[in-house]
N, C-alpha and C. Protein backbone atom coordinates (compact mmCIF):
# COMPACT_ATOMS: atom_id res chain seq x y z
N MET A 1 19.90 7.32 25.55
CA MET A 1 18.40 6.99 24.90
C MET A 1 17.53 8.59 25.46
N THR A 2 17.15 8.77 24.38
CA THR A 2 16.59 10.06 24.82
C THR A 2 15.12 9.67 25.16
N ASP A 3 14.23 10.85 25.79
CA ASP A 3 13.03 10.92 26.67
C ASP A 3 12.36 11.72 25.52
N THR A 4 12.06 11.85 24.74
CA THR A 4 11.00 12.72 24.01
C THR A 4 10.12 12.03 23.92
N THR A 5 8.86 13.07 22.64
CA THR A 5 7.45 12.70 22.87
C THR A 5 7.35 11.08 21.73
N ILE A 6 8.89 11.09 20.77
CA ILE A 6 8.39 9.92 20.22
C ILE A 6 9.19 8.74 21.03
N ASP A 7 10.21 9.03 21.71
CA ASP A 7 10.32 7.78 22.43
C ASP A 7 8.78 7.26 23.28
N ARG A 8 8.53 8.54 23.89
CA ARG A 8 7.53 7.52 24.59
C ARG A 8 6.19 6.83 23.43
N TYR A 9 6.26 7.56 22.30
CA TYR A 9 5.23 7.02 21.50
C TYR A 9 5.62 5.32 20.92
N ILE A 10 6.93 5.41 20.53
CA ILE A 10 7.22 3.93 19.77
C ILE A 10 7.20 3.03 21.04
N GLY A 11 7.90 3.58 22.33
CA GLY A 11 8.01 2.49 23.48
C GLY A 11 6.34 1.72 24.36
N LEU A 12 5.02 2.62 23.24
CA LEU A 12 3.75 2.55 24.19
C LEU A 12 3.33 1.48 22.93
N ALA A 13 3.83 2.04 21.83
CA ALA A 13 3.31 1.11 20.71
C ALA A 13 3.53 -0.88 20.56
N ASP A 14 4.24 -1.10 21.30
CA ASP A 14 4.57 -2.52 21.78
C ASP A 14 3.80 -2.78 22.94
N ARG A 15 3.55 -1.74 23.57
CA ARG A 15 2.46 -2.38 25.15
C ARG A 15 1.37 -2.59 24.53
N ALA A 16 1.00 -1.60 23.73
CA ALA A 16 -0.37 -1.28 23.12
C ALA A 16 -0.94 -2.24 22.22
N VAL A 17 -0.29 -3.29 22.19
CA VAL A 17 -0.78 -4.47 20.84
C VAL A 17 -1.65 -5.15 21.98
N HIS A 18 -1.11 -5.37 23.61
CA HIS A 18 -1.79 -5.93 24.70
C HIS A 18 -2.63 -5.30 25.82
N ASP A 19 -2.24 -3.55 25.92
CA ASP A 19 -2.96 -2.94 27.04
C ASP A 19 -3.19 -1.88 26.42
N ASP A 20 -5.07 -1.95 26.85
CA ASP A 20 -5.78 -0.68 26.35
C ASP A 20 -5.23 0.38 26.86
N SER A 21 -4.66 0.49 28.07
CA SER A 21 -4.16 1.86 28.90
C SER A 21 -3.08 2.02 27.82
N ALA A 22 -2.39 1.51 27.90
CA ALA A 22 -0.95 1.71 27.13
C ALA A 22 -1.13 2.60 25.52
N LEU A 23 -2.55 2.07 24.80
CA LEU A 23 -3.27 2.90 23.33
C LEU A 23 -3.42 4.10 23.95
N GLU A 24 -4.24 3.65 25.20
CA GLU A 24 -4.50 5.02 25.55
C GLU A 24 -3.88 5.74 25.81
N GLU A 25 -2.87 5.85 26.70
CA GLU A 25 -1.59 6.80 26.96
C GLU A 25 -0.73 7.41 25.46
N LEU A 26 -0.71 6.57 24.53
CA LEU A 26 -0.37 6.88 23.47
C LEU A 26 -1.15 7.60 22.70
N LEU A 27 -2.49 7.72 22.65
CA LEU A 27 -3.33 8.39 22.02
C LEU A 27 -3.38 9.94 22.65
N THR A 28 -2.88 9.92 24.22
CA THR A 28 -2.53 11.36 24.48
C THR A 28 -1.58 12.22 24.21
N LEU A 29 -0.52 11.69 23.28
CA LEU A 29 0.37 11.69 22.89
C LEU A 29 0.22 12.99 21.86
N PHE A 30 -0.50 12.68 21.33
CA PHE A 30 -1.40 13.53 19.84
C PHE A 30 -2.37 14.43 20.32
N ALA A 31 -1.79 15.62 19.23
CA ALA A 31 -3.01 16.91 19.61
C ALA A 31 -4.15 16.83 19.07
N PRO A 32 -5.24 17.41 19.67
CA PRO A 32 -6.10 17.07 18.92
C PRO A 32 -6.43 17.20 17.59
N ASP A 33 -6.23 18.36 16.99
CA ASP A 33 -5.94 18.01 15.00
C ASP A 33 -4.77 17.68 14.34
N ALA A 34 -3.58 16.50 15.13
CA ALA A 34 -2.79 16.16 14.48
C ALA A 34 -3.11 15.38 13.41
N THR A 35 -1.86 15.41 12.55
CA THR A 35 -2.09 14.38 11.30
C THR A 35 -0.95 13.48 11.44
N VAL A 36 -1.44 12.44 11.06
CA VAL A 36 -0.81 11.00 11.17
C VAL A 36 -0.36 10.97 9.28
N GLN A 37 0.77 10.42 8.81
CA GLN A 37 0.54 9.67 7.59
C GLN A 37 1.80 8.71 7.76
N ILE A 38 1.38 7.26 7.66
CA ILE A 38 2.33 5.88 8.37
C ILE A 38 2.01 5.23 6.95
N GLY A 39 0.69 5.30 6.10
CA GLY A 39 0.26 5.12 4.85
C GLY A 39 0.65 6.04 3.68
N PRO A 40 -0.26 5.20 2.74
CA PRO A 40 -0.35 6.35 1.73
C PRO A 40 -1.46 7.63 2.16
N GLU A 41 -2.01 7.82 2.83
CA GLU A 41 -3.05 8.55 3.15
C GLU A 41 -2.94 9.55 4.25
N PRO A 42 -3.03 10.62 4.32
CA PRO A 42 -2.90 11.24 6.09
C PRO A 42 -4.45 10.67 6.68
N ILE A 43 -4.22 10.57 8.00
CA ILE A 43 -5.06 10.36 9.03
C ILE A 43 -5.08 11.88 10.13
N ARG A 44 -6.25 12.68 9.72
CA ARG A 44 -6.38 13.61 10.52
C ARG A 44 -7.51 13.52 11.66
N GLY A 45 -6.99 14.41 12.94
CA GLY A 45 -8.10 14.35 14.04
C GLY A 45 -7.90 13.42 14.94
N HIS A 46 -8.13 13.55 15.90
CA HIS A 46 -8.03 12.70 17.29
C HIS A 46 -8.97 10.94 16.74
N GLU A 47 -10.38 11.38 16.32
CA GLU A 47 -11.12 10.08 16.52
C GLU A 47 -10.65 9.37 14.94
N ALA A 48 -10.16 9.68 14.51
CA ALA A 48 -9.54 9.44 13.26
C ALA A 48 -8.46 8.30 13.57
N ILE A 49 -7.35 9.48 13.95
CA ILE A 49 -6.15 8.36 14.51
C ILE A 49 -6.17 7.40 15.92
N ALA A 50 -7.57 7.54 16.82
CA ALA A 50 -7.51 6.46 17.37
C ALA A 50 -8.38 5.17 16.95
N ALA A 51 -8.90 5.57 15.70
CA ALA A 51 -9.58 4.15 15.38
C ALA A 51 -8.34 3.98 14.27
N PHE A 52 -7.93 4.55 13.84
CA PHE A 52 -6.47 3.99 12.74
C PHE A 52 -5.45 2.70 13.68
N TYR A 53 -5.23 3.80 15.15
CA TYR A 53 -4.71 2.89 16.00
C TYR A 53 -5.23 1.75 16.66
N ARG A 54 -6.48 1.60 16.75
CA ARG A 54 -6.97 0.58 17.40
C ARG A 54 -7.20 -0.62 16.14
N ALA A 55 -7.29 -0.47 14.96
CA ALA A 55 -7.32 -1.51 14.58
C ALA A 55 -6.04 -2.01 13.72
N HIS A 56 -4.89 -1.01 13.93
CA HIS A 56 -3.62 -1.27 13.27
C HIS A 56 -3.13 -2.48 14.66
N PHE A 57 -3.31 -2.07 16.30
CA PHE A 57 -2.36 -2.61 17.28
C PHE A 57 -3.47 -3.86 16.80
N ALA A 58 -4.74 -4.08 16.44
CA ALA A 58 -5.63 -5.35 16.55
C ALA A 58 -4.96 -6.47 16.03
N THR A 59 -4.10 -6.24 15.09
CA THR A 59 -3.55 -7.08 13.72
C THR A 59 -2.63 -7.48 14.35
N PHE A 60 -1.95 -7.07 15.45
CA PHE A 60 -0.18 -8.41 15.90
C PHE A 60 -0.97 -8.73 16.71
N ALA A 61 0.33 -10.03 17.62
CA ALA A 61 -0.09 -10.54 18.42
C ALA A 61 1.24 -10.26 19.34
N GLY A 62 2.15 -9.35 18.88
CA GLY A 62 3.08 -9.16 19.87
C GLY A 62 4.23 -8.47 18.62
N SER A 63 4.74 -7.38 19.15
CA SER A 63 5.51 -6.50 18.71
C SER A 63 7.11 -6.17 19.33
N ARG A 64 8.10 -5.81 18.88
CA ARG A 64 9.08 -5.15 19.54
C ARG A 64 9.74 -4.69 18.56
N HIS A 65 9.39 -3.02 19.34
CA HIS A 65 10.71 -2.12 18.40
C HIS A 65 12.20 -1.51 18.90
N TYR A 66 13.08 -1.61 18.01
CA TYR A 66 14.60 -0.58 18.62
C TYR A 66 14.35 0.61 17.73
N TRP A 67 15.01 1.44 18.60
CA TRP A 67 15.10 2.95 17.55
C TRP A 67 16.30 3.67 18.34
N ASN A 68 16.17 4.50 17.36
CA ASN A 68 17.46 5.60 17.96
C ASN A 68 16.46 7.17 17.52
N THR A 69 16.98 8.28 18.69
CA THR A 69 16.35 9.54 18.34
C THR A 69 16.95 10.37 18.27
N MET A 70 16.77 11.34 17.28
CA MET A 70 17.77 12.69 17.21
C MET A 70 16.35 13.76 17.02
N VAL A 71 16.96 14.91 18.22
CA VAL A 71 16.45 16.34 17.74
C VAL A 71 16.56 17.33 16.92
N LEU A 72 16.41 17.41 15.81
CA LEU A 72 16.92 18.20 14.54
C LEU A 72 17.12 19.25 15.01
N GLU A 73 17.40 19.95 13.94
CA GLU A 73 17.87 21.98 14.62
C GLU A 73 16.55 22.64 14.68
N ASP A 74 15.34 22.10 13.98
CA ASP A 74 14.16 23.04 13.47
C ASP A 74 13.28 22.20 14.69
N GLY A 75 13.81 21.51 15.46
CA GLY A 75 13.38 20.96 16.66
C GLY A 75 12.08 19.39 15.98
N THR A 76 12.28 19.49 15.14
CA THR A 76 12.00 18.02 14.62
C THR A 76 12.12 16.96 15.20
N LEU A 77 11.56 15.92 15.73
CA LEU A 77 12.29 14.44 16.13
C LEU A 77 11.86 13.53 15.13
N ARG A 78 13.09 12.90 15.04
CA ARG A 78 13.61 12.00 14.03
C ARG A 78 13.90 10.37 14.65
N ALA A 79 13.24 9.49 14.55
CA ALA A 79 13.64 8.23 15.01
C ALA A 79 13.29 7.28 14.13
N GLU A 80 14.68 6.79 13.86
CA GLU A 80 14.77 5.23 13.16
C GLU A 80 14.81 4.72 13.49
N TRP A 81 13.79 3.65 13.41
CA TRP A 81 13.67 2.29 14.08
C TRP A 81 13.41 1.10 12.99
N ALA A 82 13.46 0.38 13.77
CA ALA A 82 13.23 -1.21 13.56
C ALA A 82 12.25 -2.02 14.23
N ALA A 83 11.72 -3.20 13.53
CA ALA A 83 10.69 -3.80 14.88
C ALA A 83 10.39 -5.42 14.03
N ALA A 84 10.65 -6.26 14.79
CA ALA A 84 9.69 -7.89 14.30
C ALA A 84 8.89 -7.66 15.56
N SER A 85 7.76 -8.50 14.69
CA SER A 85 6.56 -8.93 14.72
C SER A 85 5.92 -10.14 14.85
N ARG A 86 5.24 -10.82 15.76
CA ARG A 86 4.04 -11.55 15.38
C ARG A 86 2.37 -11.44 14.87
N MET A 87 2.44 -11.51 13.98
CA MET A 87 0.51 -10.95 13.45
C MET A 87 -0.21 -11.79 14.02
N THR A 88 -1.38 -11.49 14.34
CA THR A 88 -2.65 -12.12 14.73
C THR A 88 -3.06 -13.78 14.15
N ASP A 89 -2.02 -13.61 12.87
CA ASP A 89 -2.55 -14.95 12.43
C ASP A 89 -1.31 -16.03 12.50
N GLY A 90 0.00 -15.75 13.18
CA GLY A 90 0.89 -16.48 13.47
C GLY A 90 1.93 -16.34 12.78
N GLN A 91 1.68 -15.34 11.64
CA GLN A 91 2.87 -14.88 10.52
C GLN A 91 3.93 -13.89 11.46
N LEU A 92 5.60 -13.93 10.90
CA LEU A 92 6.08 -13.16 11.24
C LEU A 92 6.57 -12.13 10.15
N MET A 93 7.05 -10.77 11.21
CA MET A 93 6.84 -9.68 10.10
C MET A 93 8.07 -8.75 10.50
N ARG A 94 8.86 -8.49 9.16
CA ARG A 94 10.22 -7.46 9.70
C ARG A 94 9.78 -6.47 9.20
N VAL A 95 10.22 -5.11 9.57
CA VAL A 95 9.87 -4.06 8.91
C VAL A 95 10.86 -2.55 9.61
N ALA A 96 10.85 -1.50 9.14
CA ALA A 96 12.11 -0.58 9.58
C ALA A 96 11.39 1.17 8.92
N GLY A 97 11.91 2.07 9.67
CA GLY A 97 11.38 2.84 8.43
C GLY A 97 12.04 4.40 9.50
N VAL A 98 12.22 5.28 9.10
CA VAL A 98 12.25 6.64 9.70
C VAL A 98 11.25 7.46 10.01
N GLU A 99 10.96 7.62 11.11
CA GLU A 99 9.60 8.70 11.78
C GLU A 99 10.26 9.81 12.30
N HIS A 100 9.19 11.15 11.69
CA HIS A 100 9.52 12.60 11.87
C HIS A 100 8.71 12.80 12.61
N ALA A 101 8.51 13.65 13.92
CA ALA A 101 7.58 14.30 14.58
C ALA A 101 7.71 15.85 14.74
N GLN A 102 6.87 16.91 14.54
CA GLN A 102 6.37 17.79 14.93
C GLN A 102 5.86 17.88 16.15
N VAL A 103 6.23 19.08 17.04
CA VAL A 103 5.43 18.61 18.28
C VAL A 103 4.98 20.24 18.95
N ASP A 104 4.16 20.40 19.65
CA ASP A 104 3.56 21.77 19.60
C ASP A 104 3.97 22.00 21.10
N ASP A 105 3.91 23.33 21.43
CA ASP A 105 4.73 23.71 23.11
C ASP A 105 4.74 22.93 24.06
N ASN A 106 3.55 22.04 23.91
CA ASN A 106 3.04 21.32 25.30
C ASN A 106 3.75 20.28 24.97
N GLY A 107 4.65 19.79 23.66
CA GLY A 107 5.00 18.58 23.67
C GLY A 107 3.99 17.79 23.03
N LEU A 108 3.09 17.68 22.05
CA LEU A 108 2.15 17.22 21.88
C LEU A 108 2.23 17.11 19.97
N ILE A 109 1.90 15.96 19.46
CA ILE A 109 2.62 15.55 18.49
C ILE A 109 1.73 15.98 17.99
N THR A 110 2.13 17.34 16.48
CA THR A 110 1.05 17.66 15.64
C THR A 110 1.17 17.41 13.93
N ASP A 111 2.07 16.53 14.06
CA ASP A 111 2.34 16.02 12.76
C ASP A 111 3.57 14.91 12.86
N LEU A 112 3.10 13.90 12.60
CA LEU A 112 3.88 12.62 12.27
C LEU A 112 3.84 11.88 11.17
N ARG A 113 4.96 11.17 10.43
CA ARG A 113 5.32 10.97 9.02
C ARG A 113 6.42 10.29 9.16
N ASN A 114 5.84 8.86 8.62
CA ASN A 114 7.03 7.57 8.58
C ASN A 114 7.24 7.18 7.05
N GLU A 115 8.29 7.03 6.96
CA GLU A 115 9.03 6.73 5.43
C GLU A 115 9.55 5.63 6.14
N PHE A 116 9.29 4.31 5.55
CA PHE A 116 9.52 2.65 5.41
C PHE A 116 11.04 2.64 4.90
N THR A 117 12.06 1.91 5.51
CA THR A 117 12.88 1.97 4.65
C THR A 117 13.40 0.35 4.42
N ARG A 118 12.82 -0.64 5.15
CA ARG A 118 11.92 -1.91 4.80
C ARG A 118 10.29 -1.86 4.92
N LEU A 119 9.84 -2.38 4.00
CA LEU A 119 8.29 -2.52 3.97
C LEU A 119 8.02 -3.47 5.09
N PRO A 120 6.70 -3.56 5.53
CA PRO A 120 6.52 -4.86 6.00
C PRO A 120 6.25 -6.15 5.37
N GLY A 121 7.24 -7.40 6.07
CA GLY A 121 6.78 -8.57 5.24
C GLY A 121 7.82 -9.25 6.16
C-alpha cells in the first residue's frame, strides 16, 4: 500500500463519519484554493469544500472504503476505490470510482476529481 495524500484522504473518510477530528484532519489535506469535483459541479475554496464534506459525511451512519493507488508519470495521484456504507436512514449503499488528485509542492490537494464506475445505490 502507498502512503500518499490521496491514501490519507480516503483513509480519513471512513473515520470522518463519526470523528470530527478526522474530518478536520481530512480538510487540512486541501490547499486553500483547491477544487473538488465529486458531483456534477466543482466546489472551490476551503470554506465551500469544508461545507460540502460536513454535509456529505452527515448522511452516513458508517462507511468502509477499499482502494488501490498509483502515482502517474505526471505526478497525478490515481486511486481506484470501492465503498460499502450504511446511511443515516438505515439504507445500505455500494459505490465505486476512480479519483485523480493533483498536489502542490507541499503535498496538498489542489484538484480532486472523481469518476464513478458504480453510481451510489
